[in-house]
Amino acid sequence: MQFIKLRIFACAAILAAPCLATADEAAEQMVQDALPVMHYTCASIAEEADGDEEFVVTVVAKMTALSLHNRQINIEDHAATDEEKAQLREAFIAALSEGCAADKDALLGGVVDNAVKSTLGL
């Protein structure tokens, strides 16, 4: 779990970028990119990654992008300044860490989605 907590920071940067509505083709591609990784749990991603932080970042980035898209979230609506975005990143990391700490067998996609939801107060 510590591996995920420390390595998620880089992935959380996705919260700093706006998530704009995309065309149906782009949305379908996002779903297709995320589907192969949706089976991971908090525990299994750490095991599968075996120290490869880029793997974890890539998986969580796909899940986060899908969550933001599904909720039609534009981060600029929640944080406009670098300071506000940094606060969101910290809250997102904390929410991910808490979600995985609470249940290491939880599906990571659900933990990511809950982290997005709680971080943005939805």
Protein backbone atom coordinates (compact mmCIF):
# COMPACT_ATOMS: atom_id res chain seq x y z
CA MET A 1 0.00 0.00 0.00
CA GLN A 2 2.85 2.38 0.75
CA PHE A 3 4.03 1.86 -2.84
CA ILE A 4 0.68 3.05 -4.17
CA LYS A 5 0.49 5.98 -1.75
CA LEU A 6 3.91 7.29 -2.71
CA ARG A 7 3.63 6.65 -6.43
CA ILE A 8 0.11 7.95 -6.98
CA PHE A 9 1.34 11.54 -6.65
CA ALA A 10 2.55 11.66 -10.23
CA CYS A 11 -0.74 10.29 -11.45
CA ALA A 12 -2.72 12.77 -9.41
CA ALA A 13 -1.38 15.48 -11.68
CA ILE A 14 -4.19 14.50 -14.02
CA LEU A 15 -6.46 16.39 -11.64
CA ALA A 16 -4.59 19.54 -12.56
CA ALA A 17 -5.53 19.27 -16.22
CA PRO A 18 -8.98 20.18 -17.49
CA CYS A 19 -11.20 17.32 -18.51
CA LEU A 20 -13.12 18.58 -21.50
CA ALA A 21 -16.08 16.94 -23.12
CA THR A 22 -14.85 14.79 -25.98
CA ALA A 23 -16.36 13.33 -29.10
CA ASP A 24 -17.93 9.91 -28.95
CA GLU A 25 -14.88 8.32 -30.58
CA ALA A 26 -12.52 9.78 -27.99
CA ALA A 27 -14.82 8.67 -25.18
CA GLU A 28 -15.02 5.17 -26.63
CA GLN A 29 -11.22 5.04 -26.87
CA MET A 30 -10.94 6.13 -23.22
CA VAL A 31 -13.25 3.29 -22.22
CA GLN A 32 -11.31 0.81 -24.34
CA ASP A 33 -8.03 1.95 -22.75
CA ALA A 34 -9.43 1.58 -19.24
CA LEU A 35 -11.28 -1.72 -19.60
CA PRO A 36 -8.18 -3.96 -19.54
CA VAL A 37 -7.06 -2.52 -16.19
CA MET A 38 -10.38 -2.31 -14.36
CA HIS A 39 -9.84 -5.70 -12.70
CA TYR A 40 -7.08 -4.46 -10.41
CA THR A 41 -7.56 -4.23 -6.69
CA CYS A 42 -5.44 -2.09 -4.40
CA ALA A 43 -3.40 -5.18 -3.53
CA SER A 44 -3.14 -6.69 -6.99
CA ILE A 45 -1.86 -3.51 -8.65
CA ALA A 46 1.06 -3.35 -6.22
CA GLU A 47 1.79 -7.03 -6.77
CA GLU A 48 1.54 -6.79 -10.55
CA ALA A 49 3.65 -3.61 -10.69
CA ASP A 50 6.44 -5.21 -8.67
CA GLY A 51 8.12 -1.83 -8.15
CA ASP A 52 7.29 -0.39 -11.59
CA GLU A 53 5.81 2.94 -10.59
CA GLU A 54 5.11 3.94 -14.19
CA PHE A 55 2.76 0.97 -14.46
CA VAL A 56 0.80 2.14 -11.42
CA VAL A 57 0.73 5.72 -12.69
CA THR A 58 -0.55 4.59 -16.09
CA VAL A 59 -3.31 2.42 -14.61
CA VAL A 60 -4.50 5.06 -12.15
CA ALA A 61 -4.33 7.76 -14.83
CA LYS A 62 -6.65 5.72 -17.07
CA MET A 63 -9.07 5.15 -14.23
CA THR A 64 -8.98 8.79 -13.16
CA ALA A 65 -9.52 10.08 -16.68
CA LEU A 66 -12.51 7.77 -17.09
CA SER A 67 -13.97 8.88 -13.77
CA LEU A 68 -13.55 12.56 -14.65
CA HIS A 69 -15.06 11.98 -18.09
CA ASN A 70 -18.00 9.95 -16.80
CA ARG A 71 -18.80 12.68 -14.30
CA GLN A 72 -18.26 15.39 -16.96
CA ILE A 73 -15.83 17.19 -14.66
CA ASN A 74 -13.72 20.13 -15.72
CA ILE A 75 -11.10 20.60 -13.01
CA GLU A 76 -10.93 24.32 -13.77
CA ASP A 77 -14.43 24.53 -12.27
CA HIS A 78 -13.00 23.25 -8.96
CA ALA A 79 -9.51 24.72 -8.89
CA ALA A 80 -8.20 27.64 -10.90
CA THR A 81 -4.89 28.40 -9.19
CA ASP A 82 -1.80 26.26 -8.79
CA GLU A 83 -2.35 26.32 -5.03
CA GLU A 84 -5.92 25.05 -5.37
CA LYS A 85 -4.77 22.32 -7.76
CA ALA A 86 -2.03 21.27 -5.34
CA GLN A 87 -4.65 21.01 -2.59
CA LEU A 88 -6.80 18.83 -4.84
CA ARG A 89 -3.82 16.57 -5.61
CA GLU A 90 -3.09 16.17 -1.89
CA ALA A 91 -6.73 15.43 -1.12
CA PHE A 92 -6.91 12.96 -4.02
CA ILE A 93 -3.81 11.12 -2.83
CA ALA A 94 -5.15 11.00 0.72
CA ALA A 95 -8.51 9.67 -0.48
CA LEU A 96 -6.82 6.97 -2.59
CA SER A 97 -4.60 5.97 0.31
CA GLU A 98 -7.52 5.84 2.73
CA GLY A 99 -9.65 3.84 0.31
CA CYS A 100 -6.94 1.26 -0.23
CA ALA A 101 -6.02 1.15 3.45
CA ALA A 102 -9.66 0.47 4.33
CA ASP A 103 -9.91 -2.46 1.94
CA LYS A 104 -6.87 -3.78 0.11
CA ASP A 105 -9.15 -6.05 -1.91
CA ALA A 106 -11.31 -3.16 -3.14
CA LEU A 107 -11.41 -2.65 -6.89
CA LEU A 108 -8.98 0.16 -7.63
CA GLY A 109 -11.37 1.72 -10.16
CA GLY A 110 -13.97 2.15 -7.42
CA VAL A 111 -11.39 3.60 -5.04
CA VAL A 112 -10.25 6.03 -7.74
CA ASP A 113 -13.83 7.06 -8.52
CA ASN A 114 -14.62 7.54 -4.82
CA ALA A 115 -11.42 9.57 -4.45
CA VAL A 116 -12.46 11.83 -7.35
CA LYS A 117 -15.92 12.19 -5.84
CA SER A 118 -14.78 12.97 -2.32
CA THR A 119 -11.92 15.21 -3.42
CA LEU A 120 -14.30 17.37 -5.43
CA GLY A 121 -17.09 17.23 -2.84
CA LEU A 122 -19.56 15.52 -5.15
